[in-house]
PDB file of N, CA and C in Angstrom:
ATOM      1  N   MET A   1      46.480  95.122  65.245  1.00  0.00           N
ATOM      2  CA  MET A   1      47.527  95.492  66.264  1.00  0.00           C
ATOM      3  C   MET A   1      47.564  94.542  67.332  1.00  0.00           C
ATOM      4  N   ALA A   2      48.760  94.258  67.919  1.00  0.00           N
ATOM      5  CA  ALA A   2      49.053  93.312  68.908  1.00  0.00           C
ATOM      6  C   ALA A   2      49.873  93.993  69.996  1.00  0.00           C
ATOM      7  N   GLU A   3      49.561  93.660  71.286  1.00  0.00           N
ATOM      8  CA  GLU A   3      50.383  94.083  72.384  1.00  0.00           C
ATOM      9  C   GLU A   3      51.631  93.279  72.479  1.00  0.00           C
ATOM     10  N   ALA A   4      52.719  93.892  72.754  1.00  0.00           N
ATOM     11  CA  ALA A   4      53.970  93.302  72.797  1.00  0.00           C
ATOM     12  C   ALA A   4      54.986  94.040  73.661  1.00  0.00           C
ATOM     13  N   ALA A   5      56.039  93.370  73.981  1.00  0.00           N
ATOM     14  CA  ALA A   5      57.134  93.993  74.781  1.00  0.00           C
ATOM     15  C   ALA A   5      58.358  94.116  73.834  1.00  0.00           C
ATOM     16  N   LEU A   6      58.998  95.382  73.908  1.00  0.00           N
ATOM     17  CA  LEU A   6      60.263  95.559  73.208  1.00  0.00           C
ATOM     18  C   LEU A   6      61.357  95.535  74.239  1.00  0.00           C
ATOM     19  N   ILE A   7      62.342  94.681  74.013  1.00  0.00           N
ATOM     20  CA  ILE A   7      63.492  94.465  74.885  1.00  0.00           C
ATOM     21  C   ILE A   7      64.727  94.860  74.220  1.00  0.00           C
ATOM     22  N   VAL A   8      65.589  95.734  74.830  1.00  0.00           N
ATOM     23  CA  VAL A   8      66.762  96.265  74.224  1.00  0.00           C
ATOM     24  C   VAL A   8      67.952  96.029  75.212  1.00  0.00           C
ATOM     25  N   THR A   9      69.033  95.531  74.717  1.00  0.00           N
ATOM     26  CA  THR A   9      70.231  95.331  75.606  1.00  0.00           C
ATOM     27  C   THR A   9      71.148  96.460  75.573  1.00  0.00           C
ATOM     28  N   SER A  10      72.172  96.536  76.450  1.00  0.00           N
ATOM     29  CA  SER A  10      73.124  97.640  76.535  1.00  0.00           C
ATOM     30  C   SER A  10      74.055  97.621  75.352  1.00  0.00           C
ATOM     31  N   LYS A  11      74.239  96.526  74.627  1.00  0.00           N
ATOM     32  CA  LYS A  11      75.165  96.462  73.468  1.00  0.00           C
ATOM     33  C   LYS A  11      74.316  96.525  72.169  1.00  0.00           C
ATOM     34  N   GLY A  12      73.106  96.992  72.148  1.00  0.00           N
ATOM     35  CA  GLY A  12      72.347  97.248  70.968  1.00  0.00           C
ATOM     36  C   GLY A  12      71.560  96.234  70.368  1.00  0.00           C
ATOM     37  N   TYR A  13      71.306  95.084  71.042  1.00  0.00           N
ATOM     38  CA  TYR A  13      70.465  93.982  70.478  1.00  0.00           C
ATOM     39  C   TYR A  13      69.073  94.190  70.974  1.00  0.00           C
ATOM     40  N   ALA A  14      68.074  93.825  70.098  1.00  0.00           N
ATOM     41  CA  ALA A  14      66.693  94.086  70.461  1.00  0.00           C
ATOM     42  C   ALA A  14      65.831  93.009  69.919  1.00  0.00           C
ATOM     43  N   LYS A  15      64.607  92.888  70.468  1.00  0.00           N
ATOM     44  CA  LYS A  15      63.581  91.966  70.001  1.00  0.00           C
ATOM     45  C   LYS A  15      62.219  92.460  70.508  1.00  0.00           C
ATOM     46  N   VAL A  16      61.148  92.046  69.763  1.00  0.00           N
ATOM     47  CA  VAL A  16      59.818  92.284  70.166  1.00  0.00           C
ATOM     48  C   VAL A  16      59.126  90.954  70.500  1.00  0.00           C
ATOM     49  N   VAL A  17      58.517  90.885  71.634  1.00  0.00           N
ATOM     50  CA  VAL A  17      57.974  89.608  72.125  1.00  0.00           C
ATOM     51  C   VAL A  17      56.471  89.851  72.351  1.00  0.00           C
ATOM     52  N   ASP A  18      55.618  88.942  71.735  1.00  0.00           N
ATOM     53  CA  ASP A  18      54.166  88.967  72.024  1.00  0.00           C
ATOM     54  C   ASP A  18      53.928  88.862  73.468  1.00  0.00           C
ATOM     55  N   GLU A  19      53.004  89.687  73.988  1.00  0.00           N
ATOM     56  CA  GLU A  19      52.680  89.671  75.485  1.00  0.00           C
ATOM     57  C   GLU A  19      52.168  88.280  75.940  1.00  0.00           C
ATOM     58  N   LYS A  20      51.557  87.567  75.040  1.00  0.00           N
ATOM     59  CA  LYS A  20      50.920  86.254  75.321  1.00  0.00           C
ATOM     60  C   LYS A  20      51.991  85.146  75.787  1.00  0.00           C
ATOM     61  N   GLU A  21      53.273  85.500  75.448  1.00  0.00           N
ATOM     62  CA  GLU A  21      54.434  84.559  75.787  1.00  0.00           C
ATOM     63  C   GLU A  21      54.766  84.740  77.206  1.00  0.00           C
ATOM     64  N   PHE A  22      54.303  85.679  77.982  1.00  0.00           N
ATOM     65  CA  PHE A  22      54.690  85.907  79.331  1.00  0.00           C
ATOM     66  C   PHE A  22      53.437  85.402  80.163  1.00  0.00           C
ATOM     67  N   PRO A  23      53.524  84.227  80.740  1.00  0.00           N
ATOM     68  CA  PRO A  23      52.471  83.777  81.595  1.00  0.00           C
ATOM     69  C   PRO A  23      52.246  84.473  82.846  1.00  0.00           C
ATOM     70  N   THR A  24      51.008  84.480  83.323  1.00  0.00           N
ATOM     71  CA  THR A  24      50.748  85.090  84.691  1.00  0.00           C
ATOM     72  C   THR A  24      51.239  84.172  85.741  1.00  0.00           C
ATOM     73  N   LYS A  25      52.040  84.841  86.732  1.00  0.00           N
ATOM     74  CA  LYS A  25      52.630  84.058  87.904  1.00  0.00           C
ATOM     75  C   LYS A  25      52.009  84.600  89.121  1.00  0.00           C
ATOM     76  N   GLY A  26      51.966  83.740  90.120  1.00  0.00           N
ATOM     77  CA  GLY A  26      51.439  84.189  91.457  1.00  0.00           C
ATOM     78  C   GLY A  26      52.478  84.961  92.276  1.00  0.00           C
ATOM     79  N   ARG A  27      51.945  85.448  93.428  1.00  0.00           N
ATOM     80  CA  ARG A  27      52.720  86.255  94.302  1.00  0.00           C
ATOM     81  C   ARG A  27      53.876  85.303  94.880  1.00  0.00           C
ATOM     82  N   GLY A  28      55.095  85.894  94.938  1.00  0.00           N
ATOM     83  CA  GLY A  28      56.213  85.138  95.474  1.00  0.00           C
ATOM     84  C   GLY A  28      56.914  84.326  94.462  1.00  0.00           C
ATOM     85  N   GLY A  29      56.532  84.351  93.157  1.00  0.00           N
ATOM     86  CA  GLY A  29      57.170  83.553  92.124  1.00  0.00           C
ATOM     87  C   GLY A  29      58.506  84.107  91.761  1.00  0.00           C
ATOM     88  N   LYS A  30      59.277  83.331  90.952  1.00  0.00           N
ATOM     89  CA  LYS A  30      60.564  83.774  90.508  1.00  0.00           C
ATOM     90  C   LYS A  30      60.578  84.419  89.157  1.00  0.00           C
ATOM     91  N   GLY A  31      59.409  84.600  88.539  1.00  0.00           N
ATOM     92  CA  GLY A  31      59.355  85.204  87.250  1.00  0.00           C
ATOM     93  C   GLY A  31      59.719  84.215  86.097  1.00  0.00           C
ATOM     94  N   VAL A  32      59.813  84.790  84.929  1.00  0.00           N
ATOM     95  CA  VAL A  32      60.178  83.970  83.747  1.00  0.00           C
ATOM     96  C   VAL A  32      61.174  84.655  83.013  1.00  0.00           C
ATOM     97  N   ALA A  33      62.035  83.853  82.240  1.00  0.00           N
ATOM     98  CA  ALA A  33      63.110  84.492  81.409  1.00  0.00           C
ATOM     99  C   ALA A  33      62.532  85.362  80.261  1.00  0.00           C
ATOM    100  N   GLY A  34      63.079  86.521  79.983  1.00  0.00           N
ATOM    101  CA  GLY A  34      62.536  87.338  78.951  1.00  0.00           C
ATOM    102  C   GLY A  34      63.492  87.599  77.832  1.00  0.00           C
ATOM    103  N   PHE A  35      64.774  87.230  78.124  1.00  0.00           N
ATOM    104  CA  PHE A  35      65.845  87.478  76.975  1.00  0.00           C
ATOM    105  C   PHE A  35      66.944  86.516  77.321  1.00  0.00           C
ATOM    106  N   ASN A  36      67.597  85.951  76.303  1.00  0.00           N
ATOM    107  CA  ASN A  36      68.714  85.021  76.483  1.00  0.00           C
ATOM    108  C   ASN A  36      69.985  85.890  76.434  1.00  0.00           C
ATOM    109  N   VAL A  37      70.402  86.271  77.633  1.00  0.00           N
ATOM    110  CA  VAL A  37      71.521  87.255  77.764  1.00  0.00           C
ATOM    111  C   VAL A  37      72.837  86.466  77.512  1.00  0.00           C
ATOM    112  N   THR A  38      73.695  87.074  76.694  1.00  0.00           N
ATOM    113  CA  THR A  38      75.013  86.509  76.403  1.00  0.00           C
ATOM    114  C   THR A  38      76.017  87.574  76.582  1.00  0.00           C
ATOM    115  N   GLU A  39      77.268  87.277  76.523  1.00  0.00           N
ATOM    116  CA  GLU A  39      78.346  88.220  76.635  1.00  0.00           C
ATOM    117  C   GLU A  39      78.283  89.237  75.369  1.00  0.00           C
ATOM    118  N   ALA A  40      77.912  88.702  74.238  1.00  0.00           N
ATOM    119  CA  ALA A  40      77.832  89.466  73.075  1.00  0.00           C
ATOM    120  C   ALA A  40      76.609  90.469  73.129  1.00  0.00           C
ATOM    121  N   SER A  41      75.511  90.082  73.706  1.00  0.00           N
ATOM    122  CA  SER A  41      74.349  90.917  73.784  1.00  0.00           C
ATOM    123  C   SER A  41      74.440  91.941  74.877  1.00  0.00           C
ATOM    124  N   GLY A  42      75.083  91.597  75.979  1.00  0.00           N
ATOM    125  CA  GLY A  42      75.117  92.436  77.210  1.00  0.00           C
ATOM    126  C   GLY A  42      73.822  92.313  78.012  1.00  0.00           C
ATOM    127  N   PRO A  43      73.752  92.952  79.106  1.00  0.00           N
ATOM    128  CA  PRO A  43      72.569  92.846  79.931  1.00  0.00           C
ATOM    129  C   PRO A  43      71.410  93.725  79.318  1.00  0.00           C
ATOM    130  N   VAL A  44      70.144  93.397  79.769  1.00  0.00           N
ATOM    131  CA  VAL A  44      69.021  94.077  79.323  1.00  0.00           C
ATOM    132  C   VAL A  44      69.132  95.567  79.814  1.00  0.00           C
ATOM    133  N   ALA A  45      68.918  96.559  78.872  1.00  0.00           N
ATOM    134  CA  ALA A  45      69.020  97.917  79.303  1.00  0.00           C
ATOM    135  C   ALA A  45      67.642  98.472  79.531  1.00  0.00           C
ATOM    136  N   CYS A  46      66.625  98.022  78.786  1.00  0.00           N
ATOM    137  CA  CYS A  46      65.323  98.662  78.795  1.00  0.00           C
ATOM    138  C   CYS A  46      64.244  97.644  78.200  1.00  0.00           C
ATOM    139  N   ALA A  47      63.105  97.739  78.711  1.00  0.00           N
ATOM    140  CA  ALA A  47      62.002  97.003  78.208  1.00  0.00           C
ATOM    141  C   ALA A  47      60.842  97.941  78.159  1.00  0.00           C
ATOM    142  N   GLU A  48      60.051  98.010  77.065  1.00  0.00           N
ATOM    143  CA  GLU A  48      59.049  98.943  76.899  1.00  0.00           C
ATOM    144  C   GLU A  48      57.770  98.199  76.302  1.00  0.00           C
ATOM    145  N   HIS A  49      56.595  98.726  76.639  1.00  0.00           N
ATOM    146  CA  HIS A  49      55.336  98.187  76.021  1.00  0.00           C
ATOM    147  C   HIS A  49      55.064  98.862  74.748  1.00  0.00           C
ATOM    148  N   VAL A  50      54.845  98.096  73.709  1.00  0.00           N
ATOM    149  CA  VAL A  50      54.616  98.542  72.331  1.00  0.00           C
ATOM    150  C   VAL A  50      53.402  97.908  71.819  1.00  0.00           C
ATOM    151  N   GLN A  51      52.940  98.505  70.634  1.00  0.00           N
ATOM    152  CA  GLN A  51      51.900  97.784  69.853  1.00  0.00           C
ATOM    153  C   GLN A  51      52.428  97.600  68.367  1.00  0.00           C
ATOM    154  N   THR A  52      52.471  96.368  67.959  1.00  0.00           N
ATOM    155  CA  THR A  52      52.864  96.008  66.592  1.00  0.00           C
ATOM    156  C   THR A  52      51.729  96.442  65.682  1.00  0.00           C
ATOM    157  N   GLY A  53      52.042  96.803  64.430  1.00  0.00           N
ATOM    158  CA  GLY A  53      51.120  97.114  63.412  1.00  0.00           C
ATOM    159  C   GLY A  53      50.439  98.491  63.649  1.00  0.00           C
ATOM    160  N   ALA A  54      50.977  99.289  64.537  1.00  0.00           N
ATOM    161  CA  ALA A  54      50.369 100.563  64.777  1.00  0.00           C
ATOM    162  C   ALA A  54      51.223 101.774  64.276  1.00  0.00           C
ATOM    163  N   GLY A  55      52.254 101.438  63.682  1.00  0.00           N
ATOM    164  CA  GLY A  55      53.244 102.461  63.086  1.00  0.00           C
ATOM    165  C   GLY A  55      54.031 103.191  64.237  1.00  0.00           C
ATOM    166  N   GLU A  56      54.190 102.554  65.367  1.00  0.00           N
ATOM    167  CA  GLU A  56      54.949 103.235  66.408  1.00  0.00           C
ATOM    168  C   GLU A  56      56.387 103.228  66.128  1.00  0.00           C
ATOM    169  N   ARG A  57      57.135 104.305  66.549  1.00  0.00           N
ATOM    170  CA  ARG A  57      58.631 104.400  66.335  1.00  0.00           C
ATOM    171  C   ARG A  57      59.292 104.303  67.743  1.00  0.00           C
ATOM    172  N   VAL A  58      60.469 103.901  67.651  1.00  0.00           N
ATOM    173  CA  VAL A  58      61.333 103.836  68.964  1.00  0.00           C
ATOM    174  C   VAL A  58      62.605 104.661  68.673  1.00  0.00           C
ATOM    175  N   LEU A  59      63.034 105.299  69.776  1.00  0.00           N
ATOM    176  CA  LEU A  59      64.242 106.065  69.775  1.00  0.00           C
ATOM    177  C   LEU A  59      65.201 105.444  70.798  1.00  0.00           C
ATOM    178  N   VAL A  60      66.379 104.955  70.331  1.00  0.00           N
ATOM    179  CA  VAL A  60      67.337 104.358  71.273  1.00  0.00           C
ATOM    180  C   VAL A  60      68.456 105.306  71.375  1.00  0.00           C
ATOM    181  N   LEU A  61      68.845 105.616  72.751  1.00  0.00           N
ATOM    182  CA  LEU A  61      69.940 106.527  72.986  1.00  0.00           C
ATOM    183  C   LEU A  61      71.060 105.821  73.691  1.00  0.00           C
ATOM    184  N   THR A  62      72.268 106.291  73.404  1.00  0.00           N
ATOM    185  CA  THR A  62      73.504 105.704  74.226  1.00  0.00           C
ATOM    186  C   THR A  62      74.042 106.726  75.133  1.00  0.00           C
ATOM    187  N   ALA A  63      74.892 106.286  76.008  1.00  0.00           N
ATOM    188  CA  ALA A  63      75.590 107.153  76.946  1.00  0.00           C
ATOM    189  C   ALA A  63      76.398 108.205  76.354  1.00  0.00           C
ATOM    190  N   ASN A  64      77.052 107.898  75.188  1.00  0.00           N
ATOM    191  CA  ASN A  64      77.911 108.899  74.433  1.00  0.00           C
ATOM    192  C   ASN A  64      77.120 109.810  73.537  1.00  0.00           C
ATOM    193  N   GLY A  65      75.810 109.801  73.605  1.00  0.00           N
ATOM    194  CA  GLY A  65      74.944 110.661  72.839  1.00  0.00           C
ATOM    195  C   GLY A  65      74.471 110.295  71.329  1.00  0.00           C
ATOM    196  N   ARG A  66      74.749 109.046  71.043  1.00  0.00           N
ATOM    197  CA  ARG A  66      74.344 108.551  69.701  1.00  0.00           C
ATOM    198  C   ARG A  66      72.837 108.166  69.884  1.00  0.00           C
ATOM    199  N   ALA A  67      72.180 108.312  68.683  1.00  0.00           N
ATOM    200  CA  ALA A  67      70.698 107.992  68.745  1.00  0.00           C
ATOM    201  C   ALA A  67      70.261 107.225  67.436  1.00  0.00           C
ATOM    202  N   LEU A  68      69.316 106.384  67.575  1.00  0.00           N
ATOM    203  CA  LEU A  68      68.728 105.697  66.334  1.00  0.00           C
ATOM    204  C   LEU A  68      67.208 105.631  66.529  1.00  0.00           C
ATOM    205  N   MET A  69      66.563 106.053  65.516  1.00  0.00           N
ATOM    206  CA  MET A  69      65.124 106.024  65.453  1.00  0.00           C
ATOM    207  C   MET A  69      64.697 105.031  64.351  1.00  0.00           C
ATOM    208  N   THR A  70      63.745 104.127  64.723  1.00  0.00           N
ATOM    209  CA  THR A  70      63.278 103.099  63.685  1.00  0.00           C
ATOM    210  C   THR A  70      61.945 102.723  64.079  1.00  0.00           C
ATOM    211  N   ASN A  71      61.211 102.091  63.145  1.00  0.00           N
ATOM    212  CA  ASN A  71      59.846 101.573  63.362  1.00  0.00           C
ATOM    213  C   ASN A  71      59.830 100.337  64.219  1.00  0.00           C
ATOM    214  N   VAL A  72      58.895 100.209  65.172  1.00  0.00           N
ATOM    215  CA  VAL A  72      58.827  99.072  65.960  1.00  0.00           C
ATOM    216  C   VAL A  72      58.624  97.815  65.144  1.00  0.00           C
ATOM    217  N   ASP A  73      57.795  97.979  63.988  1.00  0.00           N
ATOM    218  CA  ASP A  73      57.424  96.820  63.107  1.00  0.00           C
ATOM    219  C   ASP A  73      58.727  96.380  62.351  1.00  0.00           C
ATOM    220  N   ASP A  74      59.848  97.150  62.230  1.00  0.00           N
ATOM    221  CA  ASP A  74      61.064  96.729  61.629  1.00  0.00           C
ATOM    222  C   ASP A  74      61.924  95.897  62.540  1.00  0.00           C
ATOM    223  N   ILE A  75      61.607  95.769  63.829  1.00  0.00           N
ATOM    224  CA  ILE A  75      62.328  94.904  64.683  1.00  0.00           C
ATOM    225  C   ILE A  75      61.768  93.567  64.749  1.00  0.00           C
ATOM    226  N   LYS A  76      62.582  92.533  64.621  1.00  0.00           N
ATOM    227  CA  LYS A  76      62.121  91.140  64.417  1.00  0.00           C
ATOM    228  C   LYS A  76      61.358  90.694  65.649  1.00  0.00           C
ATOM    229  N   MET A  77      60.242  90.047  65.544  1.00  0.00           N
ATOM    230  CA  MET A  77      59.498  89.441  66.647  1.00  0.00           C
ATOM    231  C   MET A  77      60.201  88.076  66.916  1.00  0.00           C
ATOM    232  N   ARG A  78      60.578  87.831  68.167  1.00  0.00           N
ATOM    233  CA  ARG A  78      61.199  86.580  68.501  1.00  0.00           C
ATOM    234  C   ARG A  78      60.435  85.927  69.698  1.00  0.00           C
ATOM    235  N   SER A  79      60.841  84.806  70.106  1.00  0.00           N
ATOM    236  CA  SER A  79      60.244  84.051  71.276  1.00  0.00           C
ATOM    237  C   SER A  79      60.720  84.724  72.511  1.00  0.00           C
ATOM    238  N   ARG A  80      60.094  84.487  73.622  1.00  0.00           N
ATOM    239  CA  ARG A  80      60.498  85.023  74.890  1.00  0.00           C
ATOM    240  C   ARG A  80      61.915  84.683  75.337  1.00  0.00           C
ATOM    241  N   THR A  81      62.398  83.443  75.050  1.00  0.00           N
ATOM    242  CA  THR A  81      63.643  82.946  75.583  1.00  0.00           C
ATOM    243  C   THR A  81      64.751  83.116  74.537  1.00  0.00           C
ATOM    244  N   ALA A  82      64.523  83.643  73.308  1.00  0.00           N
ATOM    245  CA  ALA A  82      65.483  83.766  72.318  1.00  0.00           C
ATOM    246  C   ALA A  82      66.333  85.123  72.571  1.00  0.00           C
ATOM    247  N   GLY A  83      67.507  85.091  71.887  1.00  0.00           N
ATOM    248  CA  GLY A  83      68.220  86.302  71.848  1.00  0.00           C
ATOM    249  C   GLY A  83      67.667  87.253  70.910  1.00  0.00           C
ATOM    250  N   GLY A  84      68.232  88.465  70.764  1.00  0.00           N
ATOM    251  CA  GLY A  84      67.775  89.485  69.857  1.00  0.00           C
ATOM    252  C   GLY A  84      68.504  89.621  68.672  1.00  0.00           C
ATOM    253  N   VAL A  85      68.196  90.525  67.872  1.00  0.00           N
ATOM    254  CA  VAL A  85      68.833  90.854  66.630  1.00  0.00           C
ATOM    255  C   VAL A  85      69.563  92.157  66.837  1.00  0.00           C
ATOM    256  N   LYS A  86      70.710  92.449  66.081  1.00  0.00           N
ATOM    257  CA  LYS A  86      71.439  93.660  66.177  1.00  0.00           C
ATOM    258  C   LYS A  86      70.679  94.824  65.717  1.00  0.00           C
ATOM    259  N   LEU A  87      70.346  95.749  66.522  1.00  0.00           N
ATOM    260  CA  LEU A  87      69.524  96.879  66.216  1.00  0.00           C
ATOM    261  C   LEU A  87      70.397  98.128  65.978  1.00  0.00           C
ATOM    262  N   MET A  88      71.546  98.192  66.694  1.00  0.00           N
ATOM    263  CA  MET A  88      72.347  99.428  66.699  1.00  0.00           C
ATOM    264  C   MET A  88      73.789  98.974  66.939  1.00  0.00           C
ATOM    265  N   ASN A  89      74.783  99.539  66.176  1.00  0.00           N
ATOM    266  CA  ASN A  89      76.191  99.308  66.544  1.00  0.00           C
ATOM    267  C   ASN A  89      76.532 100.183  67.649  1.00  0.00           C
ATOM    268  N   VAL A  90      77.071  99.632  68.710  1.00  0.00           N
ATOM    269  CA  VAL A  90      77.499 100.370  69.872  1.00  0.00           C
ATOM    270  C   VAL A  90      78.911 100.155  70.156  1.00  0.00           C
ATOM    271  N   ASP A  91      79.683 101.279  70.300  1.00  0.00           N
ATOM    272  CA  ASP A  91      81.154 101.105  70.492  1.00  0.00           C
ATOM    273  C   ASP A  91      81.484 100.400  71.868  1.00  0.00           C
ATOM    274  N   ASP A  92      82.647  99.957  72.075  1.00  0.00           N
ATOM    275  CA  ASP A  92      83.023  99.216  73.206  1.00  0.00           C
ATOM    276  C   ASP A  92      82.917  99.989  74.435  1.00  0.00           C
ATOM    277  N   ASP A  93      83.165 101.305  74.362  1.00  0.00           N
ATOM    278  CA  ASP A  93      83.184 102.314  75.578  1.00  0.00           C
ATOM    279  C   ASP A  93      81.825 102.913  75.707  1.00  0.00           C
ATOM    280  N   ASP A  94      80.859 102.430  75.024  1.00  0.00           N
ATOM    281  CA  ASP A  94      79.486 103.135  75.026  1.00  0.00           C
ATOM    282  C   ASP A  94      78.446 102.027  75.443  1.00  0.00           C
ATOM    283  N   LYS A  95      77.210 102.424  75.771  1.00  0.00           N
ATOM    284  CA  LYS A  95      76.101 101.450  76.010  1.00  0.00           C
ATOM    285  C   LYS A  95      74.783 102.144  75.896  1.00  0.00           C
ATOM    286  N   VAL A  96      73.758 101.430  75.567  1.00  0.00           N
ATOM    287  CA  VAL A  96      72.375 101.854  75.490  1.00  0.00           C
ATOM    288  C   VAL A  96      71.956 102.284  76.836  1.00  0.00           C
ATOM    289  N   VAL A  97      71.435 103.443  76.966  1.00  0.00           N
ATOM    290  CA  VAL A  97      70.841 103.891  78.329  1.00  0.00           C
ATOM    291  C   VAL A  97      69.406 104.238  78.322  1.00  0.00           C
ATOM    292  N   ALA A  98      68.843 104.432  77.169  1.00  0.00           N
ATOM    293  CA  ALA A  98      67.364 104.863  77.257  1.00  0.00           C
ATOM    294  C   ALA A  98      66.677 104.417  75.916  1.00  0.00           C
ATOM    295  N   VAL A  99      65.456 103.992  76.030  1.00  0.00           N
ATOM    296  CA  VAL A  99      64.592 103.697  74.858  1.00  0.00           C
ATOM    297  C   VAL A  99      63.304 104.415  75.037  1.00  0.00           C
ATOM    298  N   LEU A 100      62.902 105.171  74.003  1.00  0.00           N
ATOM    299  CA  LEU A 100      61.671 105.965  74.035  1.00  0.00           C
ATOM    300  C   LEU A 100      60.750 105.446  72.966  1.00  0.00           C
ATOM    301  N   VAL A 101      59.537 105.207  73.276  1.00  0.00           N
ATOM    302  CA  VAL A 101      58.495 104.788  72.255  1.00  0.00           C
ATOM    303  C   VAL A 101      57.584 105.951  72.070  1.00  0.00           C
TER     304      VAL A 101
END
């Protein structure tokens, strides 16, 4: 099992990033990039701490009431600065509002 971050955007893109890719920064720093945001992916809607290889499942909810449940291990692991993969088809008038692990 490995500690990781699950990042999901408002337009349904997602990725899992190994926690070791996020360096420790000191007080007053500007942080580090966690997702390559584009117009197609939309802004980051949610980020959750997950464990890969533990059989965890994730529930993604939209503003219009659609839901998708999938295994965390089925979401592709990507680098910290990469974009995500399409996890859920989201209508133009809808957006991801919650992610539960």
